[in-house]
Amino acid sequence: MSKTILITSEFLGRGDDELGAKLMASFLRTLLTAEEKPDRIVFYNYGVKLLTEGTATSEILAELNKSGVQLIACGTCVGFFGLDDAIPKQHVSNMQEIVTLLVHSDNVVTV
């Protein structure tokens, strides 16, 4: 069964951004230690900022990637935010791939 997590923001939940950032980091750290991990995590809109090299979340995501979780960032979003040099190229993709992965996933969870 194919599992995909879709992350659309750098914050988890709505309301206080500082709290939302802490919750997102906690979510990703917990996912790293989870027995069952998703096959992939797709990032678009503000979510791509989590992959920015040198951030706490990028380090957690790198560990998730090492454990076999595919990380996919929307290339249009990366370019829009001027992050072309801040996000590893191997994670940047296009909407065609993202749509294909989402429609072929058995389970998609948006956070």
N, C-alpha and C. Protein backbone atom coordinates (compact mmCIF):
# COMPACT_ATOMS: atom_id res chain seq x y z
N MET A 1 0.84 -1.18 0.00
CA MET A 1 0.00 0.00 0.00
C MET A 1 0.89 1.25 0.00
N SER A 2 0.74 2.11 -0.99
CA SER A 2 1.55 3.31 -1.16
C SER A 2 1.00 4.45 -0.30
N LYS A 3 1.89 5.08 0.48
CA LYS A 3 1.48 6.16 1.37
C LYS A 3 2.24 7.45 1.06
N THR A 4 1.48 8.54 0.94
CA THR A 4 2.07 9.84 0.65
C THR A 4 1.58 10.85 1.67
N ILE A 5 2.50 11.67 2.16
CA ILE A 5 2.14 12.80 3.01
C ILE A 5 2.33 14.05 2.16
N LEU A 6 1.35 14.93 2.18
CA LEU A 6 1.36 16.17 1.42
C LEU A 6 1.49 17.32 2.41
N ILE A 7 2.57 18.08 2.30
CA ILE A 7 2.81 19.20 3.21
C ILE A 7 2.71 20.49 2.41
N THR A 8 1.76 21.35 2.81
CA THR A 8 1.47 22.57 2.05
C THR A 8 1.91 23.84 2.75
N SER A 9 2.49 23.72 3.92
CA SER A 9 2.87 24.90 4.70
C SER A 9 4.09 24.57 5.54
N GLU A 10 4.79 25.61 5.97
CA GLU A 10 5.92 25.38 6.87
C GLU A 10 5.46 25.26 8.32
N PHE A 11 4.15 25.45 8.53
CA PHE A 11 3.57 25.37 9.87
C PHE A 11 2.54 24.26 9.92
N LEU A 12 2.38 23.67 11.09
CA LEU A 12 1.35 22.66 11.29
C LEU A 12 0.19 23.33 12.00
N GLY A 13 -0.96 23.36 11.34
CA GLY A 13 -2.14 23.99 11.89
C GLY A 13 -2.18 25.48 11.59
N ARG A 14 -3.25 26.09 12.00
CA ARG A 14 -3.44 27.53 11.81
C ARG A 14 -3.44 28.22 13.15
N GLY A 15 -3.01 29.46 13.13
CA GLY A 15 -2.97 30.23 14.37
C GLY A 15 -1.59 30.82 14.54
N ASP A 16 -0.98 30.57 15.66
CA ASP A 16 0.33 31.13 15.97
C ASP A 16 1.41 30.44 15.14
N ASP A 17 2.18 31.21 14.35
CA ASP A 17 3.21 30.65 13.48
C ASP A 17 4.36 30.02 14.26
N GLU A 18 4.74 30.62 15.38
CA GLU A 18 5.82 30.06 16.18
C GLU A 18 5.43 28.67 16.70
N LEU A 19 4.22 28.56 17.20
CA LEU A 19 3.72 27.26 17.65
C LEU A 19 3.62 26.29 16.47
N GLY A 20 3.12 26.78 15.33
CA GLY A 20 2.97 25.93 14.15
C GLY A 20 4.30 25.38 13.67
N ALA A 21 5.37 26.20 13.74
CA ALA A 21 6.70 25.74 13.35
C ALA A 21 7.21 24.66 14.30
N LYS A 22 6.99 24.85 15.59
CA LYS A 22 7.39 23.84 16.57
C LYS A 22 6.63 22.54 16.37
N LEU A 23 5.34 22.66 16.09
CA LEU A 23 4.52 21.46 15.86
C LEU A 23 4.97 20.71 14.61
N MET A 24 5.32 21.45 13.54
CA MET A 24 5.77 20.80 12.31
C MET A 24 7.08 20.06 12.56
N ALA A 25 8.02 20.70 13.25
CA ALA A 25 9.29 20.03 13.56
C ALA A 25 9.05 18.79 14.41
N SER A 26 8.15 18.90 15.37
CA SER A 26 7.82 17.75 16.22
C SER A 26 7.17 16.63 15.39
N PHE A 27 6.28 17.00 14.49
CA PHE A 27 5.63 16.02 13.62
C PHE A 27 6.68 15.26 12.81
N LEU A 28 7.61 15.99 12.21
CA LEU A 28 8.63 15.35 11.37
C LEU A 28 9.58 14.48 12.20
N ARG A 29 9.98 14.96 13.38
CA ARG A 29 10.83 14.14 14.27
C ARG A 29 10.12 12.86 14.68
N THR A 30 8.84 12.97 14.99
CA THR A 30 8.06 11.80 15.37
C THR A 30 7.92 10.84 14.20
N LEU A 31 7.71 11.38 13.02
CA LEU A 31 7.63 10.55 11.82
C LEU A 31 8.94 9.80 11.59
N LEU A 32 10.06 10.45 11.87
CA LEU A 32 11.38 9.82 11.72
C LEU A 32 11.53 8.60 12.61
N THR A 33 10.94 8.66 13.80
CA THR A 33 11.08 7.54 14.74
C THR A 33 9.93 6.53 14.62
N ALA A 34 8.96 6.82 13.78
CA ALA A 34 7.81 5.92 13.63
C ALA A 34 8.24 4.61 12.99
N GLU A 35 7.61 3.54 13.43
CA GLU A 35 7.90 2.22 12.87
C GLU A 35 7.52 2.16 11.39
N GLU A 36 6.39 2.72 11.06
CA GLU A 36 5.91 2.72 9.67
C GLU A 36 5.98 4.14 9.12
N LYS A 37 6.75 4.29 8.04
CA LYS A 37 6.93 5.60 7.43
C LYS A 37 6.21 5.65 6.09
N PRO A 38 5.94 6.85 5.60
CA PRO A 38 5.32 6.97 4.27
C PRO A 38 6.35 6.63 3.20
N ASP A 39 5.87 6.38 1.99
CA ASP A 39 6.77 6.15 0.87
C ASP A 39 7.40 7.46 0.42
N ARG A 40 6.62 8.55 0.54
CA ARG A 40 7.09 9.83 0.06
C ARG A 40 6.41 10.96 0.83
N ILE A 41 7.06 12.11 0.79
CA ILE A 41 6.47 13.35 1.28
C ILE A 41 6.57 14.35 0.13
N VAL A 42 5.45 14.95 -0.22
CA VAL A 42 5.38 15.94 -1.28
C VAL A 42 5.19 17.31 -0.64
N PHE A 43 5.97 18.29 -1.09
CA PHE A 43 5.94 19.64 -0.54
C PHE A 43 5.53 20.62 -1.63
N TYR A 44 4.55 21.48 -1.35
CA TYR A 44 4.27 22.58 -2.26
C TYR A 44 3.86 23.80 -1.47
N ASN A 45 3.76 24.94 -2.19
CA ASN A 45 3.54 26.24 -1.60
C ASN A 45 4.58 26.46 -0.51
N TYR A 46 4.21 27.05 0.62
CA TYR A 46 5.19 27.33 1.68
C TYR A 46 5.86 26.07 2.23
N GLY A 47 5.29 24.92 2.01
CA GLY A 47 5.88 23.68 2.51
C GLY A 47 7.28 23.43 2.00
N VAL A 48 7.62 23.94 0.80
CA VAL A 48 8.96 23.71 0.25
C VAL A 48 10.04 24.33 1.13
N LYS A 49 9.68 25.35 1.91
CA LYS A 49 10.67 26.01 2.77
C LYS A 49 11.24 25.06 3.82
N LEU A 50 10.52 24.00 4.14
CA LEU A 50 11.01 23.04 5.13
C LEU A 50 12.26 22.31 4.63
N LEU A 51 12.44 22.26 3.32
CA LEU A 51 13.59 21.57 2.73
C LEU A 51 14.82 22.47 2.61
N THR A 52 14.71 23.74 2.96
CA THR A 52 15.82 24.67 2.82
C THR A 52 17.02 24.18 3.63
N GLU A 53 18.15 24.04 2.94
CA GLU A 53 19.36 23.53 3.59
C GLU A 53 19.76 24.38 4.78
N GLY A 54 20.19 23.70 5.85
CA GLY A 54 20.65 24.39 7.04
C GLY A 54 19.60 24.62 8.10
N THR A 55 18.35 24.29 7.81
CA THR A 55 17.31 24.46 8.82
C THR A 55 17.17 23.17 9.63
N ALA A 56 16.55 23.29 10.78
CA ALA A 56 16.34 22.11 11.63
C ALA A 56 15.47 21.08 10.91
N THR A 57 14.48 21.55 10.18
CA THR A 57 13.60 20.60 9.49
C THR A 57 14.31 19.93 8.33
N SER A 58 15.24 20.63 7.66
CA SER A 58 15.95 20.00 6.55
C SER A 58 16.80 18.83 7.04
N GLU A 59 17.35 18.95 8.23
CA GLU A 59 18.15 17.86 8.80
C GLU A 59 17.28 16.65 9.13
N ILE A 60 16.11 16.89 9.68
CA ILE A 60 15.17 15.81 9.97
C ILE A 60 14.74 15.15 8.66
N LEU A 61 14.42 15.98 7.67
CA LEU A 61 13.98 15.45 6.38
C LEU A 61 15.09 14.66 5.68
N ALA A 62 16.34 15.10 5.84
CA ALA A 62 17.46 14.35 5.27
C ALA A 62 17.54 12.96 5.89
N GLU A 63 17.30 12.88 7.19
CA GLU A 63 17.29 11.57 7.87
C GLU A 63 16.13 10.70 7.38
N LEU A 64 14.97 11.31 7.20
CA LEU A 64 13.84 10.57 6.65
C LEU A 64 14.17 10.05 5.25
N ASN A 65 14.83 10.89 4.45
CA ASN A 65 15.23 10.49 3.11
C ASN A 65 16.20 9.31 3.16
N LYS A 66 17.15 9.36 4.08
CA LYS A 66 18.11 8.26 4.25
C LYS A 66 17.41 6.96 4.65
N SER A 67 16.28 7.10 5.34
CA SER A 67 15.54 5.91 5.78
C SER A 67 14.64 5.36 4.68
N GLY A 68 14.64 6.01 3.50
CA GLY A 68 13.89 5.50 2.37
C GLY A 68 12.67 6.30 1.97
N VAL A 69 12.40 7.41 2.66
CA VAL A 69 11.26 8.25 2.32
C VAL A 69 11.68 9.20 1.19
N GLN A 70 10.96 9.17 0.08
CA GLN A 70 11.24 10.06 -1.04
C GLN A 70 10.70 11.44 -0.71
N LEU A 71 11.51 12.49 -0.97
CA LEU A 71 11.12 13.87 -0.73
C LEU A 71 10.98 14.57 -2.07
N ILE A 72 9.82 15.18 -2.31
CA ILE A 72 9.53 15.79 -3.61
C ILE A 72 9.01 17.20 -3.38
N ALA A 73 9.71 18.19 -3.94
CA ALA A 73 9.31 19.59 -3.83
C ALA A 73 8.80 20.09 -5.17
N CYS A 74 7.76 20.88 -5.14
CA CYS A 74 7.21 21.53 -6.33
C CYS A 74 8.24 22.53 -6.87
N GLY A 75 8.71 22.30 -8.09
CA GLY A 75 9.71 23.17 -8.69
C GLY A 75 9.22 24.59 -8.90
N THR A 76 7.95 24.75 -9.26
CA THR A 76 7.38 26.09 -9.43
C THR A 76 7.44 26.85 -8.12
N CYS A 77 7.12 26.18 -7.03
CA CYS A 77 7.13 26.80 -5.70
C CYS A 77 8.56 27.17 -5.29
N VAL A 78 9.49 26.26 -5.53
CA VAL A 78 10.90 26.52 -5.21
C VAL A 78 11.37 27.77 -5.94
N GLY A 79 11.06 27.86 -7.23
CA GLY A 79 11.45 29.03 -8.01
C GLY A 79 10.75 30.30 -7.55
N PHE A 80 9.47 30.20 -7.24
CA PHE A 80 8.69 31.36 -6.81
C PHE A 80 9.29 32.00 -5.56
N PHE A 81 9.72 31.17 -4.62
CA PHE A 81 10.29 31.68 -3.37
C PHE A 81 11.79 31.95 -3.47
N GLY A 82 12.38 31.76 -4.66
CA GLY A 82 13.81 32.02 -4.84
C GLY A 82 14.70 31.06 -4.10
N LEU A 83 14.27 29.81 -3.98
CA LEU A 83 15.02 28.81 -3.20
C LEU A 83 15.78 27.82 -4.08
N ASP A 84 16.00 28.19 -5.34
CA ASP A 84 16.66 27.27 -6.28
C ASP A 84 18.01 26.76 -5.77
N ASP A 85 18.76 27.61 -5.10
CA ASP A 85 20.08 27.22 -4.61
C ASP A 85 20.05 26.74 -3.16
N ALA A 86 18.88 26.75 -2.54
CA ALA A 86 18.78 26.41 -1.11
C ALA A 86 18.17 25.04 -0.86
N ILE A 87 17.62 24.42 -1.92
CA ILE A 87 16.99 23.11 -1.78
C ILE A 87 17.71 22.14 -2.71
N PRO A 88 18.13 20.99 -2.19
CA PRO A 88 18.84 20.03 -3.04
C PRO A 88 18.06 19.68 -4.30
N LYS A 89 18.75 19.77 -5.44
CA LYS A 89 18.12 19.57 -6.75
C LYS A 89 17.42 18.21 -6.88
N GLN A 90 17.94 17.19 -6.21
CA GLN A 90 17.34 15.86 -6.34
C GLN A 90 15.93 15.79 -5.78
N HIS A 91 15.54 16.79 -4.99
CA HIS A 91 14.19 16.79 -4.42
C HIS A 91 13.20 17.62 -5.23
N VAL A 92 13.69 18.40 -6.18
CA VAL A 92 12.83 19.30 -6.94
C VAL A 92 12.23 18.58 -8.15
N SER A 93 10.92 18.70 -8.29
CA SER A 93 10.22 18.03 -9.38
C SER A 93 9.21 18.98 -10.00
N ASN A 94 8.28 18.41 -10.73
CA ASN A 94 7.28 19.22 -11.42
C ASN A 94 5.89 18.72 -11.09
N MET A 95 4.90 19.49 -11.48
CA MET A 95 3.51 19.16 -11.15
C MET A 95 3.07 17.86 -11.82
N GLN A 96 3.61 17.55 -12.99
CA GLN A 96 3.25 16.30 -13.67
C GLN A 96 3.59 15.10 -12.78
N GLU A 97 4.81 15.08 -12.24
CA GLU A 97 5.21 13.98 -11.36
C GLU A 97 4.38 13.98 -10.08
N ILE A 98 4.15 15.16 -9.52
CA ILE A 98 3.40 15.25 -8.27
C ILE A 98 1.98 14.71 -8.47
N VAL A 99 1.32 15.13 -9.54
CA VAL A 99 -0.04 14.64 -9.80
C VAL A 99 -0.03 13.13 -10.00
N THR A 100 0.93 12.63 -10.76
CA THR A 100 1.01 11.19 -11.00
C THR A 100 1.20 10.42 -9.69
N LEU A 101 2.09 10.90 -8.84
CA LEU A 101 2.33 10.22 -7.56
C LEU A 101 1.09 10.26 -6.67
N LEU A 102 0.42 11.40 -6.65
CA LEU A 102 -0.77 11.52 -5.79
C LEU A 102 -1.90 10.61 -6.25
N VAL A 103 -2.16 10.57 -7.56
CA VAL A 103 -3.28 9.74 -8.03
C VAL A 103 -2.97 8.26 -7.97
N HIS A 104 -1.69 7.91 -7.91
CA HIS A 104 -1.33 6.49 -7.80
C HIS A 104 -1.06 6.05 -6.36
N SER A 105 -1.16 6.97 -5.42
CA SER A 105 -0.99 6.61 -4.01
C SER A 105 -2.28 6.00 -3.48
N ASP A 106 -2.13 4.97 -2.69
CA ASP A 106 -3.29 4.34 -2.07
C ASP A 106 -3.83 5.20 -0.93
N ASN A 107 -2.93 5.99 -0.32
CA ASN A 107 -3.31 6.77 0.85
C ASN A 107 -2.55 8.10 0.80
N VAL A 108 -3.27 9.22 0.82
CA VAL A 108 -2.66 10.55 0.85
C VAL A 108 -3.16 11.28 2.09
N VAL A 109 -2.23 11.76 2.90
CA VAL A 109 -2.55 12.51 4.10
C VAL A 109 -1.99 13.91 3.94
N THR A 110 -2.83 14.93 4.10
CA THR A 110 -2.38 16.31 4.02
C THR A 110 -2.23 16.88 5.42
N VAL A 111 -1.05 17.49 5.68
CA VAL A 111 -0.83 18.14 6.98
C VAL A 111 -0.53 19.61 6.76
